[in-house]
């Protein structure tokens, strides 16, 4: 068997395994894995913060909500100055 075919089959098996694992997580837990800091209660409990929020706290402009941040890190814009 050619080596490229072996590599391809191993990669295909890895993708299939991770797809199956994510599907089983969804089936047994009943929801997707919550990796968003703004909505994950365990991350909030541990004190994990959005990088933008930490940057604003470091610079003293920790009012992220005043510039359009809704608690969702993807909505925060670190380049936009605080009002």
N, C-alpha and C. Protein backbone atom coordinates (compact mmCIF):
# COMPACT_ATOMS: atom_id res chain seq x y z
N UNK A 1 0.85 -1.17 0.00
CA UNK A 1 0.00 0.00 0.00
C UNK A 1 0.90 1.24 0.00
N UNK A 2 0.60 2.22 -0.85
CA UNK A 2 1.42 3.44 -0.91
C UNK A 2 1.35 4.21 0.41
N UNK A 3 2.44 4.91 0.72
CA UNK A 3 2.51 5.63 1.99
C UNK A 3 1.50 6.78 2.05
N UNK A 4 1.19 7.43 0.92
CA UNK A 4 0.22 8.52 0.94
C UNK A 4 -1.17 8.02 1.28
N UNK A 5 -1.48 6.81 0.87
CA UNK A 5 -2.77 6.22 1.18
C UNK A 5 -2.87 5.88 2.67
N UNK A 6 -1.77 5.42 3.24
CA UNK A 6 -1.74 5.13 4.68
C UNK A 6 -1.96 6.41 5.48
N UNK A 7 -1.28 7.47 5.11
CA UNK A 7 -1.44 8.77 5.80
C UNK A 7 -2.87 9.27 5.64
N UNK A 8 -3.41 9.15 4.44
CA UNK A 8 -4.78 9.59 4.19
C UNK A 8 -5.78 8.82 5.04
N UNK A 9 -5.61 7.51 5.13
CA UNK A 9 -6.52 6.69 5.91
C UNK A 9 -6.42 6.99 7.41
N UNK A 10 -5.21 7.25 7.90
CA UNK A 10 -5.03 7.62 9.30
C UNK A 10 -5.70 8.96 9.58
N UNK A 11 -5.54 9.92 8.69
CA UNK A 11 -6.18 11.23 8.86
C UNK A 11 -7.70 11.10 8.81
N UNK A 12 -8.19 10.31 7.90
CA UNK A 12 -9.63 10.09 7.79
C UNK A 12 -10.18 9.42 9.05
N UNK A 13 -9.45 8.47 9.59
CA UNK A 13 -9.87 7.79 10.83
C UNK A 13 -9.88 8.78 12.00
N UNK A 14 -8.90 9.67 12.07
CA UNK A 14 -8.84 10.65 13.15
C UNK A 14 -10.03 11.60 13.07
N UNK A 15 -10.34 12.09 11.89
CA UNK A 15 -11.48 12.99 11.72
C UNK A 15 -12.78 12.27 12.07
N UNK A 16 -12.91 11.04 11.65
CA UNK A 16 -14.12 10.26 11.97
C UNK A 16 -14.24 10.05 13.48
N UNK A 17 -13.13 9.76 14.16
CA UNK A 17 -13.15 9.57 15.61
C UNK A 17 -13.60 10.83 16.33
N UNK A 18 -13.04 11.99 15.96
CA UNK A 18 -13.41 13.24 16.64
C UNK A 18 -14.84 13.65 16.32
N UNK A 19 -15.30 13.37 15.12
CA UNK A 19 -16.69 13.65 14.78
C UNK A 19 -17.63 12.77 15.62
N UNK A 20 -17.29 11.52 15.77
CA UNK A 20 -18.08 10.62 16.61
C UNK A 20 -18.06 11.07 18.07
N UNK A 21 -16.90 11.48 18.56
CA UNK A 21 -16.79 11.93 19.95
C UNK A 21 -17.64 13.17 20.19
N UNK A 22 -17.62 14.13 19.28
CA UNK A 22 -18.44 15.33 19.44
C UNK A 22 -19.92 14.98 19.35
N UNK A 23 -20.27 14.05 18.49
CA UNK A 23 -21.67 13.63 18.38
C UNK A 23 -22.15 12.95 19.65
N UNK A 24 -21.31 12.11 20.23
CA UNK A 24 -21.68 11.44 21.48
C UNK A 24 -21.82 12.45 22.62
N UNK A 25 -20.96 13.47 22.63
CA UNK A 25 -21.09 14.53 23.64
C UNK A 25 -22.43 15.22 23.50
N UNK A 26 -22.82 15.52 22.29
CA UNK A 26 -24.10 16.17 22.04
C UNK A 26 -25.26 15.26 22.43
N UNK A 27 -25.16 13.98 22.12
CA UNK A 27 -26.24 13.04 22.43
C UNK A 27 -26.40 12.86 23.94
N UNK A 28 -25.30 12.63 24.65
CA UNK A 28 -25.40 12.33 26.08
C UNK A 28 -25.62 13.56 26.95
N UNK A 29 -25.00 14.69 26.60
CA UNK A 29 -25.18 15.90 27.40
C UNK A 29 -26.42 16.68 26.97
N UNK A 30 -26.82 16.53 25.74
CA UNK A 30 -28.01 17.22 25.25
C UNK A 30 -27.74 18.63 24.75
N UNK A 31 -26.48 19.03 24.73
CA UNK A 31 -26.14 20.36 24.22
C UNK A 31 -24.70 20.36 23.75
N UNK A 32 -24.35 21.36 22.94
CA UNK A 32 -22.97 21.48 22.49
C UNK A 32 -22.08 21.91 23.64
N UNK A 33 -20.80 21.68 23.50
CA UNK A 33 -19.85 22.12 24.50
C UNK A 33 -19.83 23.65 24.49
N UNK A 34 -20.02 24.25 25.65
CA UNK A 34 -20.08 25.71 25.77
C UNK A 34 -18.68 26.24 26.01
N UNK A 35 -18.06 26.77 24.97
CA UNK A 35 -16.69 27.27 25.09
C UNK A 35 -16.63 28.79 25.12
N UNK A 36 -17.76 29.46 25.10
CA UNK A 36 -17.80 30.92 25.15
C UNK A 36 -17.72 31.37 26.60
N UNK A 37 -16.75 32.21 26.89
CA UNK A 37 -16.51 32.65 28.26
C UNK A 37 -17.72 33.38 28.83
N UNK A 38 -18.41 34.14 28.02
CA UNK A 38 -19.53 34.95 28.50
C UNK A 38 -20.70 34.10 28.97
N UNK A 39 -20.84 32.88 28.48
CA UNK A 39 -21.99 32.06 28.84
C UNK A 39 -21.64 30.80 29.61
N UNK A 40 -20.36 30.49 29.77
CA UNK A 40 -19.95 29.28 30.47
C UNK A 40 -19.82 29.58 31.96
N UNK A 41 -20.72 28.99 32.76
CA UNK A 41 -20.75 29.26 34.20
C UNK A 41 -19.49 28.75 34.91
N UNK A 42 -18.93 27.63 34.46
CA UNK A 42 -17.72 27.11 35.11
C UNK A 42 -16.53 28.03 34.88
N UNK A 43 -16.39 28.59 33.69
CA UNK A 43 -15.29 29.52 33.44
C UNK A 43 -15.46 30.79 34.27
N UNK A 44 -16.69 31.27 34.38
CA UNK A 44 -16.95 32.46 35.19
C UNK A 44 -16.66 32.18 36.66
N UNK A 45 -17.04 30.99 37.13
CA UNK A 45 -16.81 30.62 38.52
C UNK A 45 -15.31 30.57 38.83
N UNK A 46 -14.52 30.12 37.86
CA UNK A 46 -13.07 30.03 38.04
C UNK A 46 -12.37 31.37 37.85
N UNK A 47 -13.11 32.39 37.43
CA UNK A 47 -12.53 33.72 37.25
C UNK A 47 -11.85 33.92 35.92
N UNK A 48 -12.12 33.05 34.96
CA UNK A 48 -11.54 33.19 33.62
C UNK A 48 -12.28 34.31 32.91
N UNK A 49 -11.53 35.22 32.32
CA UNK A 49 -12.13 36.38 31.67
C UNK A 49 -11.72 36.43 30.20
N UNK A 50 -12.50 37.16 29.45
CA UNK A 50 -12.20 37.42 28.04
C UNK A 50 -10.88 38.21 27.96
N UNK A 51 -10.08 37.94 26.95
CA UNK A 51 -8.81 38.65 26.78
C UNK A 51 -9.03 40.15 26.64
N UNK A 52 -10.09 40.54 25.96
CA UNK A 52 -10.39 41.97 25.79
C UNK A 52 -10.74 42.58 27.14
N UNK A 53 -11.50 41.87 27.94
CA UNK A 53 -11.88 42.37 29.26
C UNK A 53 -10.63 42.52 30.13
N UNK A 54 -9.74 41.55 30.10
CA UNK A 54 -8.50 41.65 30.88
C UNK A 54 -7.65 42.82 30.41
N UNK A 55 -7.59 43.03 29.10
CA UNK A 55 -6.81 44.15 28.56
C UNK A 55 -7.40 45.48 29.01
N UNK A 56 -8.72 45.58 28.99
CA UNK A 56 -9.36 46.82 29.44
C UNK A 56 -9.14 47.05 30.93
N UNK A 57 -9.14 45.98 31.73
CA UNK A 57 -8.87 46.13 33.16
C UNK A 57 -7.44 46.57 33.39
N UNK A 58 -6.50 46.05 32.58
CA UNK A 58 -5.10 46.43 32.72
C UNK A 58 -4.87 47.90 32.39
N UNK A 59 -5.60 48.40 31.41
CA UNK A 59 -5.42 49.81 31.01
C UNK A 59 -6.31 50.75 31.80
N UNK A 60 -7.17 50.21 32.64
CA UNK A 60 -8.02 51.06 33.47
C UNK A 60 -9.33 51.44 32.80
N UNK A 61 -9.61 50.91 31.64
CA UNK A 61 -10.86 51.20 30.94
C UNK A 61 -11.69 49.93 30.91
N UNK A 62 -12.10 49.47 32.09
CA UNK A 62 -12.79 48.19 32.18
C UNK A 62 -14.27 48.29 31.90
N UNK A 63 -14.76 49.41 31.40
CA UNK A 63 -16.17 49.54 31.06
C UNK A 63 -16.39 49.07 29.63
N UNK A 64 -16.24 47.79 29.42
CA UNK A 64 -16.41 47.21 28.08
C UNK A 64 -17.84 47.36 27.60
N UNK A 65 -18.80 47.33 28.53
CA UNK A 65 -20.20 47.40 28.13
C UNK A 65 -20.56 48.77 27.57
N UNK A 66 -19.79 49.78 27.88
CA UNK A 66 -20.08 51.11 27.36
C UNK A 66 -19.72 51.30 25.90
N UNK A 67 -18.95 50.36 25.34
CA UNK A 67 -18.53 50.50 23.95
C UNK A 67 -19.15 49.45 23.06
N UNK A 68 -20.19 48.81 23.52
CA UNK A 68 -20.89 47.87 22.66
C UNK A 68 -20.67 46.42 22.98
N UNK A 69 -19.89 46.11 24.01
CA UNK A 69 -19.69 44.72 24.39
C UNK A 69 -20.90 44.24 25.16
N UNK A 70 -21.43 43.10 24.78
CA UNK A 70 -22.62 42.58 25.43
C UNK A 70 -22.29 41.39 26.31
N UNK A 71 -21.04 41.24 26.71
CA UNK A 71 -20.63 40.08 27.48
C UNK A 71 -20.12 38.96 26.61
N UNK A 72 -20.25 39.10 25.32
CA UNK A 72 -19.76 38.12 24.37
C UNK A 72 -18.41 38.61 23.87
N UNK A 73 -17.37 37.83 24.09
CA UNK A 73 -16.02 38.28 23.75
C UNK A 73 -15.86 38.59 22.27
N UNK A 74 -16.59 37.91 21.43
CA UNK A 74 -16.45 38.17 20.00
C UNK A 74 -17.05 39.52 19.63
N UNK A 75 -17.89 40.09 20.50
CA UNK A 75 -18.49 41.39 20.22
C UNK A 75 -17.58 42.53 20.67
N UNK A 76 -16.63 42.24 21.56
CA UNK A 76 -15.73 43.29 22.05
C UNK A 76 -14.71 43.63 20.99
N UNK A 77 -14.34 44.89 20.93
CA UNK A 77 -13.34 45.36 19.98
C UNK A 77 -12.24 46.06 20.77
N UNK A 78 -11.08 45.44 20.85
CA UNK A 78 -10.00 46.00 21.67
C UNK A 78 -9.44 47.30 21.05
N UNK A 79 -9.61 47.47 19.76
CA UNK A 79 -9.08 48.66 19.10
C UNK A 79 -9.96 49.89 19.32
N UNK A 80 -11.21 49.68 19.68
CA UNK A 80 -12.13 50.79 19.87
C UNK A 80 -11.90 51.39 21.25
N UNK A 81 -11.66 52.70 21.33
CA UNK A 81 -11.40 53.31 22.64
C UNK A 81 -12.67 53.34 23.48
N UNK A 82 -12.48 53.25 24.78
CA UNK A 82 -13.62 53.30 25.69
C UNK A 82 -14.19 54.69 25.73
N UNK A 83 -15.52 54.78 25.88
CA UNK A 83 -16.18 56.09 25.92
C UNK A 83 -16.27 56.59 27.34
